[in-house]
């Protein structure tokens, strides 16, 4: 009836998961070390550190929100398709009620 193909998301490999965590850890450590050794006063370092933490938190929230929206679209599409399939399965063209 429809050309849409629903596939389940593929699982990430352990190598990909490790690479993501290592990348995240190295980037945060490098930013932190850069802020610590920056030749500015403590207030400026604190400001940059808080900005970094807020940026990380916002990025995590944004990525979770985008994922949730996409998952909800998938669920709604599947529910709509199931309703149509049920209606088609129950429809009997030879049983006409006039």
PDB file of N, CA and C in Angstrom:
ATOM      1  N   UNK A   1       0.813  -1.187   0.000  1.00  0.00           N
ATOM      2  CA  UNK A   1       0.000   0.000   0.000  1.00  0.00           C
ATOM      3  C   UNK A   1       0.867   1.266   0.000  1.00  0.00           C
ATOM      4  N   UNK A   2       1.908   1.231   0.782  1.00  0.00           N
ATOM      5  CA  UNK A   2       2.767   2.403   0.892  1.00  0.00           C
ATOM      6  C   UNK A   2       4.206   2.001   0.607  1.00  0.00           C
ATOM      7  N   UNK A   3       4.959   2.941   0.099  1.00  0.00           N
ATOM      8  CA  UNK A   3       6.353   2.658  -0.249  1.00  0.00           C
ATOM      9  C   UNK A   3       7.309   2.920   0.901  1.00  0.00           C
ATOM     10  N   UNK A   4       6.797   3.363   2.037  1.00  0.00           N
ATOM     11  CA  UNK A   4       7.659   3.656   3.173  1.00  0.00           C
ATOM     12  C   UNK A   4       8.238   2.375   3.740  1.00  0.00           C
ATOM     13  N   UNK A   5       9.510   2.404   3.999  1.00  0.00           N
ATOM     14  CA  UNK A   5      10.180   1.267   4.622  1.00  0.00           C
ATOM     15  C   UNK A   5      10.550   1.672   6.051  1.00  0.00           C
ATOM     16  N   UNK A   6      10.088   0.889   6.990  1.00  0.00           N
ATOM     17  CA  UNK A   6      10.417   1.157   8.382  1.00  0.00           C
ATOM     18  C   UNK A   6      11.516   0.201   8.797  1.00  0.00           C
ATOM     19  N   UNK A   7      12.615   0.760   9.186  1.00  0.00           N
ATOM     20  CA  UNK A   7      13.727  -0.061   9.634  1.00  0.00           C
ATOM     21  C   UNK A   7      14.032   0.276  11.076  1.00  0.00           C
ATOM     22  N   UNK A   8      14.511  -0.704  11.776  1.00  0.00           N
ATOM     23  CA  UNK A   8      14.904  -0.451  13.149  1.00  0.00           C
ATOM     24  C   UNK A   8      16.289   0.182  13.139  1.00  0.00           C
ATOM     25  N   UNK A   9      16.558   1.079  14.070  1.00  0.00           N
ATOM     26  CA  UNK A   9      17.873   1.704  14.104  1.00  0.00           C
ATOM     27  C   UNK A   9      18.948   0.650  14.382  1.00  0.00           C
ATOM     28  N   UNK A  10      20.055   0.815  13.713  1.00  0.00           N
ATOM     29  CA  UNK A  10      21.137  -0.137  13.919  1.00  0.00           C
ATOM     30  C   UNK A  10      21.860   0.181  15.218  1.00  0.00           C
ATOM     31  N   UNK A  11      22.326  -0.858  15.872  1.00  0.00           N
ATOM     32  CA  UNK A  11      23.050  -0.672  17.130  1.00  0.00           C
ATOM     33  C   UNK A  11      24.464  -0.178  16.824  1.00  0.00           C
ATOM     34  N   UNK A  12      24.970   0.655  17.687  1.00  0.00           N
ATOM     35  CA  UNK A  12      26.328   1.165  17.516  1.00  0.00           C
ATOM     36  C   UNK A  12      27.329   0.114  17.963  1.00  0.00           C
ATOM     37  N   UNK A  13      28.448   0.074  17.288  1.00  0.00           N
ATOM     38  CA  UNK A  13      29.501  -0.860  17.670  1.00  0.00           C
ATOM     39  C   UNK A  13      30.221  -0.321  18.901  1.00  0.00           C
ATOM     40  N   UNK A  14      30.892  -1.208  19.607  1.00  0.00           N
ATOM     41  CA  UNK A  14      31.626  -0.778  20.802  1.00  0.00           C
ATOM     42  C   UNK A  14      32.766   0.161  20.423  1.00  0.00           C
ATOM     43  N   UNK A  15      33.353  -0.019  19.233  1.00  0.00           N
ATOM     44  CA  UNK A  15      34.419   0.882  18.784  1.00  0.00           C
ATOM     45  C   UNK A  15      33.891   2.297  18.594  1.00  0.00           C
ATOM     46  N   UNK A  16      32.691   2.422  18.015  1.00  0.00           N
ATOM     47  CA  UNK A  16      32.102   3.753  17.818  1.00  0.00           C
ATOM     48  C   UNK A  16      31.796   4.411  19.159  1.00  0.00           C
ATOM     49  N   UNK A  17      31.240   3.649  20.077  1.00  0.00           N
ATOM     50  CA  UNK A  17      30.905   4.193  21.396  1.00  0.00           C
ATOM     51  C   UNK A  17      32.179   4.650  22.112  1.00  0.00           C
ATOM     52  N   UNK A  18      33.227   3.836  22.054  1.00  0.00           N
ATOM     53  CA  UNK A  18      34.501   4.200  22.685  1.00  0.00           C
ATOM     54  C   UNK A  18      35.076   5.462  22.038  1.00  0.00           C
ATOM     55  N   UNK A  19      35.033   5.537  20.721  1.00  0.00           N
ATOM     56  CA  UNK A  19      35.568   6.710  20.023  1.00  0.00           C
ATOM     57  C   UNK A  19      34.805   7.966  20.411  1.00  0.00           C
ATOM     58  N   UNK A  20      33.487   7.863  20.567  1.00  0.00           N
ATOM     59  CA  UNK A  20      32.686   9.030  20.939  1.00  0.00           C
ATOM     60  C   UNK A  20      33.028   9.513  22.337  1.00  0.00           C
ATOM     61  N   UNK A  21      33.133   8.578  23.278  1.00  0.00           N
ATOM     62  CA  UNK A  21      33.474   8.965  24.648  1.00  0.00           C
ATOM     63  C   UNK A  21      34.896   9.529  24.728  1.00  0.00           C
ATOM     64  N   UNK A  22      35.833   8.925  24.009  1.00  0.00           N
ATOM     65  CA  UNK A  22      37.211   9.429  24.019  1.00  0.00           C
ATOM     66  C   UNK A  22      37.263  10.825  23.419  1.00  0.00           C
ATOM     67  N   UNK A  23      36.572  11.026  22.309  1.00  0.00           N
ATOM     68  CA  UNK A  23      36.533  12.338  21.669  1.00  0.00           C
ATOM     69  C   UNK A  23      35.936  13.385  22.601  1.00  0.00           C
ATOM     70  N   UNK A  24      34.830  13.047  23.251  1.00  0.00           N
ATOM     71  CA  UNK A  24      34.186  13.966  24.186  1.00  0.00           C
ATOM     72  C   UNK A  24      35.120  14.305  25.341  1.00  0.00           C
ATOM     73  N   UNK A  25      35.749  13.284  25.925  1.00  0.00           N
ATOM     74  CA  UNK A  25      36.643  13.494  27.063  1.00  0.00           C
ATOM     75  C   UNK A  25      37.857  14.336  26.683  1.00  0.00           C
ATOM     76  N   UNK A  26      38.466  14.042  25.549  1.00  0.00           N
ATOM     77  CA  UNK A  26      39.645  14.801  25.113  1.00  0.00           C
ATOM     78  C   UNK A  26      39.278  16.254  24.829  1.00  0.00           C
ATOM     79  N   UNK A  27      38.133  16.484  24.187  1.00  0.00           N
ATOM     80  CA  UNK A  27      37.756  17.868  23.874  1.00  0.00           C
ATOM     81  C   UNK A  27      37.475  18.674  25.135  1.00  0.00           C
ATOM     82  N   UNK A  28      36.813  18.065  26.111  1.00  0.00           N
ATOM     83  CA  UNK A  28      36.548  18.771  27.371  1.00  0.00           C
ATOM     84  C   UNK A  28      37.843  19.021  28.131  1.00  0.00           C
ATOM     85  N   UNK A  29      38.720  18.017  28.167  1.00  0.00           N
ATOM     86  CA  UNK A  29      40.005  18.180  28.866  1.00  0.00           C
ATOM     87  C   UNK A  29      40.849  19.262  28.202  1.00  0.00           C
ATOM     88  N   UNK A  30      40.900  19.270  26.875  1.00  0.00           N
ATOM     89  CA  UNK A  30      41.696  20.280  26.173  1.00  0.00           C
ATOM     90  C   UNK A  30      41.141  21.681  26.416  1.00  0.00           C
ATOM     91  N   UNK A  31      39.830  21.813  26.396  1.00  0.00           N
ATOM     92  CA  UNK A  31      39.222  23.119  26.660  1.00  0.00           C
ATOM     93  C   UNK A  31      39.511  23.557  28.097  1.00  0.00           C
ATOM     94  N   UNK A  32      39.366  22.618  29.049  1.00  0.00           N
ATOM     95  CA  UNK A  32      39.642  22.937  30.452  1.00  0.00           C
ATOM     96  C   UNK A  32      41.092  23.348  30.683  1.00  0.00           C
ATOM     97  N   UNK A  33      42.019  22.617  30.082  1.00  0.00           N
ATOM     98  CA  UNK A  33      43.444  22.952  30.225  1.00  0.00           C
ATOM     99  C   UNK A  33      43.733  24.309  29.589  1.00  0.00           C
ATOM    100  N   UNK A  34      43.118  24.557  28.435  1.00  0.00           N
ATOM    101  CA  UNK A  34      43.303  25.857  27.787  1.00  0.00           C
ATOM    102  C   UNK A  34      42.796  26.996  28.646  1.00  0.00           C
ATOM    103  N   UNK A  35      41.661  26.795  29.302  1.00  0.00           N
ATOM    104  CA  UNK A  35      41.118  27.843  30.178  1.00  0.00           C
ATOM    105  C   UNK A  35      42.014  28.033  31.396  1.00  0.00           C
ATOM    106  N   UNK A  36      42.483  26.926  31.984  1.00  0.00           N
ATOM    107  CA  UNK A  36      43.330  27.023  33.188  1.00  0.00           C
ATOM    108  C   UNK A  36      44.623  27.781  32.905  1.00  0.00           C
ATOM    109  N   UNK A  37      45.268  27.508  31.787  1.00  0.00           N
ATOM    110  CA  UNK A  37      46.556  28.129  31.478  1.00  0.00           C
ATOM    111  C   UNK A  37      46.447  29.430  30.707  1.00  0.00           C
ATOM    112  N   UNK A  38      45.240  29.914  30.479  1.00  0.00           N
ATOM    113  CA  UNK A  38      45.055  31.180  29.778  1.00  0.00           C
ATOM    114  C   UNK A  38      45.534  32.327  30.671  1.00  0.00           C
ATOM    115  N   UNK A  39      46.263  33.278  30.111  1.00  0.00           N
ATOM    116  CA  UNK A  39      46.810  34.369  30.931  1.00  0.00           C
ATOM    117  C   UNK A  39      45.778  35.479  31.202  1.00  0.00           C
ATOM    118  N   UNK A  40      44.717  35.113  31.912  1.00  0.00           N
ATOM    119  CA  UNK A  40      43.707  36.097  32.310  1.00  0.00           C
ATOM    120  C   UNK A  40      43.398  35.879  33.790  1.00  0.00           C
ATOM    121  N   UNK A  41      42.625  36.795  34.365  1.00  0.00           N
ATOM    122  CA  UNK A  41      42.326  36.677  35.800  1.00  0.00           C
ATOM    123  C   UNK A  41      41.326  35.541  36.066  1.00  0.00           C
ATOM    124  N   UNK A  42      41.131  35.216  37.337  1.00  0.00           N
ATOM    125  CA  UNK A  42      40.301  34.096  37.747  1.00  0.00           C
ATOM    126  C   UNK A  42      38.846  34.278  37.346  1.00  0.00           C
ATOM    127  N   UNK A  43      38.347  35.504  37.394  1.00  0.00           N
ATOM    128  CA  UNK A  43      36.957  35.750  37.019  1.00  0.00           C
ATOM    129  C   UNK A  43      36.708  35.409  35.545  1.00  0.00           C
ATOM    130  N   UNK A  44      37.657  35.756  34.705  1.00  0.00           N
ATOM    131  CA  UNK A  44      37.513  35.455  33.276  1.00  0.00           C
ATOM    132  C   UNK A  44      37.569  33.940  33.041  1.00  0.00           C
ATOM    133  N   UNK A  45      38.450  33.255  33.746  1.00  0.00           N
ATOM    134  CA  UNK A  45      38.536  31.791  33.628  1.00  0.00           C
ATOM    135  C   UNK A  45      37.234  31.135  34.085  1.00  0.00           C
ATOM    136  N   UNK A  46      36.681  31.645  35.177  1.00  0.00           N
ATOM    137  CA  UNK A  46      35.412  31.122  35.669  1.00  0.00           C
ATOM    138  C   UNK A  46      34.287  31.336  34.672  1.00  0.00           C
ATOM    139  N   UNK A  47      34.278  32.524  34.065  1.00  0.00           N
ATOM    140  CA  UNK A  47      33.260  32.827  33.063  1.00  0.00           C
ATOM    141  C   UNK A  47      33.372  31.875  31.872  1.00  0.00           C
ATOM    142  N   UNK A  48      34.568  31.668  31.388  1.00  0.00           N
ATOM    143  CA  UNK A  48      34.772  30.769  30.251  1.00  0.00           C
ATOM    144  C   UNK A  48      34.427  29.327  30.625  1.00  0.00           C
ATOM    145  N   UNK A  49      34.760  28.921  31.863  1.00  0.00           N
ATOM    146  CA  UNK A  49      34.430  27.572  32.319  1.00  0.00           C
ATOM    147  C   UNK A  49      32.927  27.361  32.398  1.00  0.00           C
ATOM    148  N   UNK A  50      32.203  28.330  32.941  1.00  0.00           N
ATOM    149  CA  UNK A  50      30.748  28.224  33.026  1.00  0.00           C
ATOM    150  C   UNK A  50      30.115  28.229  31.627  1.00  0.00           C
ATOM    151  N   UNK A  51      30.652  29.057  30.741  1.00  0.00           N
ATOM    152  CA  UNK A  51      30.154  29.071  29.365  1.00  0.00           C
ATOM    153  C   UNK A  51      30.339  27.721  28.692  1.00  0.00           C
ATOM    154  N   UNK A  52      31.476  27.092  28.947  1.00  0.00           N
ATOM    155  CA  UNK A  52      31.733  25.766  28.384  1.00  0.00           C
ATOM    156  C   UNK A  52      30.741  24.751  28.931  1.00  0.00           C
ATOM    157  N   UNK A  53      30.512  24.762  30.235  1.00  0.00           N
ATOM    158  CA  UNK A  53      29.572  23.817  30.841  1.00  0.00           C
ATOM    159  C   UNK A  53      28.144  24.029  30.339  1.00  0.00           C
ATOM    160  N   UNK A  54      27.730  25.283  30.208  1.00  0.00           N
ATOM    161  CA  UNK A  54      26.389  25.558  29.681  1.00  0.00           C
ATOM    162  C   UNK A  54      26.273  25.119  28.223  1.00  0.00           C
ATOM    163  N   UNK A  55      27.335  25.301  27.444  1.00  0.00           N
ATOM    164  CA  UNK A  55      27.316  24.856  26.045  1.00  0.00           C
ATOM    165  C   UNK A  55      27.185  23.342  25.957  1.00  0.00           C
ATOM    166  N   UNK A  56      27.871  22.634  26.820  1.00  0.00           N
ATOM    167  CA  UNK A  56      27.784  21.170  26.832  1.00  0.00           C
ATOM    168  C   UNK A  56      26.364  20.735  27.207  1.00  0.00           C
ATOM    169  N   UNK A  57      25.818  21.323  28.249  1.00  0.00           N
ATOM    170  CA  UNK A  57      24.460  20.981  28.674  1.00  0.00           C
ATOM    171  C   UNK A  57      23.426  21.280  27.598  1.00  0.00           C
ATOM    172  N   UNK A  58      23.557  22.420  26.936  1.00  0.00           N
ATOM    173  CA  UNK A  58      22.621  22.780  25.869  1.00  0.00           C
ATOM    174  C   UNK A  58      22.738  21.825  24.685  1.00  0.00           C
ATOM    175  N   UNK A  59      23.948  21.418  24.364  1.00  0.00           N
ATOM    176  CA  UNK A  59      24.150  20.481  23.254  1.00  0.00           C
ATOM    177  C   UNK A  59      23.504  19.135  23.556  1.00  0.00           C
ATOM    178  N   UNK A  60      23.660  18.661  24.775  1.00  0.00           N
ATOM    179  CA  UNK A  60      23.047  17.389  25.162  1.00  0.00           C
ATOM    180  C   UNK A  60      21.522  17.498  25.113  1.00  0.00           C
ATOM    181  N   UNK A  61      20.963  18.588  25.628  1.00  0.00           N
ATOM    182  CA  UNK A  61      19.513  18.782  25.602  1.00  0.00           C
ATOM    183  C   UNK A  61      18.982  18.873  24.175  1.00  0.00           C
ATOM    184  N   UNK A  62      19.686  19.596  23.317  1.00  0.00           N
ATOM    185  CA  UNK A  62      19.265  19.737  21.931  1.00  0.00           C
ATOM    186  C   UNK A  62      19.292  18.396  21.209  1.00  0.00           C
ATOM    187  N   UNK A  63      20.354  17.630  21.384  1.00  0.00           N
ATOM    188  CA  UNK A  63      20.433  16.344  20.688  1.00  0.00           C
ATOM    189  C   UNK A  63      19.360  15.386  21.188  1.00  0.00           C
ATOM    190  N   UNK A  64      19.053  15.411  22.484  1.00  0.00           N
ATOM    191  CA  UNK A  64      17.994  14.554  23.021  1.00  0.00           C
ATOM    192  C   UNK A  64      16.630  14.976  22.475  1.00  0.00           C
ATOM    193  N   UNK A  65      16.389  16.268  22.391  1.00  0.00           N
ATOM    194  CA  UNK A  65      15.119  16.762  21.878  1.00  0.00           C
ATOM    195  C   UNK A  65      14.927  16.382  20.420  1.00  0.00           C
ATOM    196  N   UNK A  66      15.959  16.536  19.612  1.00  0.00           N
ATOM    197  CA  UNK A  66      15.874  16.164  18.196  1.00  0.00           C
ATOM    198  C   UNK A  66      15.603  14.674  18.062  1.00  0.00           C
ATOM    199  N   UNK A  67      16.289  13.859  18.860  1.00  0.00           N
ATOM    200  CA  UNK A  67      16.071  12.412  18.815  1.00  0.00           C
ATOM    201  C   UNK A  67      14.640  12.065  19.220  1.00  0.00           C
ATOM    202  N   UNK A  68      14.131  12.692  20.270  1.00  0.00           N
ATOM    203  CA  UNK A  68      12.772  12.417  20.734  1.00  0.00           C
ATOM    204  C   UNK A  68      11.733  12.791  19.681  1.00  0.00           C
ATOM    205  N   UNK A  69      11.921  13.928  19.001  1.00  0.00           N
ATOM    206  CA  UNK A  69      10.982  14.357  17.960  1.00  0.00           C
ATOM    207  C   UNK A  69      10.985  13.346  16.819  1.00  0.00           C
ATOM    208  N   UNK A  70      12.149  12.903  16.391  1.00  0.00           N
ATOM    209  CA  UNK A  70      12.230  11.926  15.298  1.00  0.00           C
ATOM    210  C   UNK A  70      11.600  10.591  15.701  1.00  0.00           C
ATOM    211  N   UNK A  71      11.830  10.150  16.936  1.00  0.00           N
ATOM    212  CA  UNK A  71      11.229   8.904  17.400  1.00  0.00           C
ATOM    213  C   UNK A  71       9.709   9.014  17.472  1.00  0.00           C
ATOM    214  N   UNK A  72       9.199  10.161  17.898  1.00  0.00           N
ATOM    215  CA  UNK A  72       7.748  10.321  17.972  1.00  0.00           C
ATOM    216  C   UNK A  72       7.126  10.314  16.580  1.00  0.00           C
ATOM    217  N   UNK A  73       7.803  10.883  15.593  1.00  0.00           N
ATOM    218  CA  UNK A  73       7.301  10.841  14.216  1.00  0.00           C
ATOM    219  C   UNK A  73       7.230   9.399  13.736  1.00  0.00           C
ATOM    220  N   UNK A  74       8.240   8.609  14.063  1.00  0.00           N
ATOM    221  CA  UNK A  74       8.255   7.215  13.644  1.00  0.00           C
ATOM    222  C   UNK A  74       7.107   6.441  14.274  1.00  0.00           C
ATOM    223  N   UNK A  75       6.853   6.677  15.554  1.00  0.00           N
ATOM    224  CA  UNK A  75       5.774   5.973  16.257  1.00  0.00           C
ATOM    225  C   UNK A  75       4.424   6.375  15.692  1.00  0.00           C
ATOM    226  N   UNK A  76       4.213   7.660  15.450  1.00  0.00           N
ATOM    227  CA  UNK A  76       2.939   8.129  14.901  1.00  0.00           C
ATOM    228  C   UNK A  76       2.719   7.547  13.509  1.00  0.00           C
ATOM    229  N   UNK A  77       3.762   7.497  12.697  1.00  0.00           N
ATOM    230  CA  UNK A  77       3.631   6.923  11.355  1.00  0.00           C
ATOM    231  C   UNK A  77       3.272   5.447  11.429  1.00  0.00           C
ATOM    232  N   UNK A  78       3.882   4.729  12.341  1.00  0.00           N
ATOM    233  CA  UNK A  78       3.576   3.310  12.492  1.00  0.00           C
ATOM    234  C   UNK A  78       2.148   3.098  12.972  1.00  0.00           C
ATOM    235  N   UNK A  79       1.681   3.949  13.893  1.00  0.00           N
ATOM    236  CA  UNK A  79       0.301   3.833  14.366  1.00  0.00           C
ATOM    237  C   UNK A  79      -0.685   4.103  13.236  1.00  0.00           C
ATOM    238  N   UNK A  80      -0.411   5.139  12.443  1.00  0.00           N
ATOM    239  CA  UNK A  80      -1.289   5.439  11.311  1.00  0.00           C
ATOM    240  C   UNK A  80      -1.312   4.281  10.320  1.00  0.00           C
ATOM    241  N   UNK A  81      -0.156   3.727  10.029  1.00  0.00           N
ATOM    242  CA  UNK A  81      -0.093   2.603   9.095  1.00  0.00           C
ATOM    243  C   UNK A  81      -0.843   1.389   9.645  1.00  0.00           C
ATOM    244  N   UNK A  82      -0.730   1.133  10.949  1.00  0.00           N
ATOM    245  CA  UNK A  82      -1.437  -0.002  11.555  1.00  0.00           C
ATOM    246  C   UNK A  82      -2.945   0.200  11.481  1.00  0.00           C
ATOM    247  N   UNK A  83      -3.420   1.437  11.678  1.00  0.00           N
ATOM    248  CA  UNK A  83      -4.856   1.719  11.579  1.00  0.00           C
ATOM    249  C   UNK A  83      -5.363   1.465  10.160  1.00  0.00           C
ATOM    250  N   UNK A  84      -4.608   1.909   9.164  1.00  0.00           N
ATOM    251  CA  UNK A  84      -5.007   1.701   7.776  1.00  0.00           C
ATOM    252  C   UNK A  84      -5.031   0.215   7.444  1.00  0.00           C
ATOM    253  N   UNK A  85      -4.002  -0.512   7.890  1.00  0.00           N
ATOM    254  CA  UNK A  85      -3.964  -1.956   7.623  1.00  0.00           C
ATOM    255  C   UNK A  85      -5.136  -2.670   8.292  1.00  0.00           C
ATOM    256  N   UNK A  86      -5.511  -2.257   9.490  1.00  0.00           N
ATOM    257  CA  UNK A  86      -6.645  -2.868  10.182  1.00  0.00           C
ATOM    258  C   UNK A  86      -7.937  -2.594   9.419  1.00  0.00           C
ATOM    259  N   UNK A  87      -8.100  -1.351   8.966  1.00  0.00           N
ATOM    260  CA  UNK A  87      -9.304  -1.014   8.205  1.00  0.00           C
ATOM    261  C   UNK A  87      -9.377  -1.823   6.915  1.00  0.00           C
ATOM    262  N   UNK A  88      -8.248  -1.971   6.238  1.00  0.00           N
ATOM    263  CA  UNK A  88      -8.236  -2.739   4.997  1.00  0.00           C
ATOM    264  C   UNK A  88      -8.492  -4.220   5.251  1.00  0.00           C
ATOM    265  N   UNK A  89      -7.989  -4.739   6.350  1.00  0.00           N
ATOM    266  CA  UNK A  89      -8.200  -6.149   6.674  1.00  0.00           C
ATOM    267  C   UNK A  89      -9.658  -6.421   7.016  1.00  0.00           C
ATOM    268  N   UNK A  90     -10.331  -5.458   7.636  1.00  0.00           N
ATOM    269  CA  UNK A  90     -11.727  -5.636   8.021  1.00  0.00           C
ATOM    270  C   UNK A  90     -12.693  -5.348   6.878  1.00  0.00           C
ATOM    271  N   UNK A  91     -12.220  -4.721   5.836  1.00  0.00           N
ATOM    272  CA  UNK A  91     -13.096  -4.350   4.724  1.00  0.00           C
ATOM    273  C   UNK A  91     -13.385  -5.577   3.855  1.00  0.00           C
ATOM    274  N   UNK A  92     -14.646  -5.803   3.618  1.00  0.00           N
ATOM    275  CA  UNK A  92     -15.070  -6.912   2.764  1.00  0.00           C
ATOM    276  C   UNK A  92     -15.878  -6.319   1.606  1.00  0.00           C
ATOM    277  N   UNK A  93     -15.309  -6.292   0.392  1.00  0.00           N
ATOM    278  CA  UNK A  93     -16.008  -5.650  -0.718  1.00  0.00           C
ATOM    279  C   UNK A  93     -17.259  -6.406  -1.150  1.00  0.00           C
ATOM    280  N   UNK A  94     -17.397  -7.686  -0.771  1.00  0.00           N
ATOM    281  CA  UNK A  94     -18.561  -8.473  -1.189  1.00  0.00           C
ATOM    282  C   UNK A  94     -19.721  -8.334  -0.206  1.00  0.00           C
ATOM    283  N   UNK A  95     -19.474  -7.751   0.927  1.00  0.00           N
ATOM    284  CA  UNK A  95     -20.514  -7.575   1.936  1.00  0.00           C
ATOM    285  C   UNK A  95     -20.987  -6.126   1.864  1.00  0.00           C
ATOM    286  N   UNK A  96     -21.859  -5.840   0.922  1.00  0.00           N
ATOM    287  CA  UNK A  96     -22.322  -4.463   0.743  1.00  0.00           C
ATOM    288  C   UNK A  96     -23.630  -4.253   1.496  1.00  0.00           C
ATOM    289  N   UNK A  97     -23.609  -3.275   2.353  1.00  0.00           N
ATOM    290  CA  UNK A  97     -24.810  -2.916   3.108  1.00  0.00           C
ATOM    291  C   UNK A  97     -25.398  -1.691   2.415  1.00  0.00           C
ATOM    292  N   UNK A  98     -26.644  -1.811   2.005  1.00  0.00           N
ATOM    293  CA  UNK A  98     -27.289  -0.713   1.297  1.00  0.00           C
ATOM    294  C   UNK A  98     -28.219   0.037   2.183  1.00  0.00           C
TER     295      UNK A  98
END
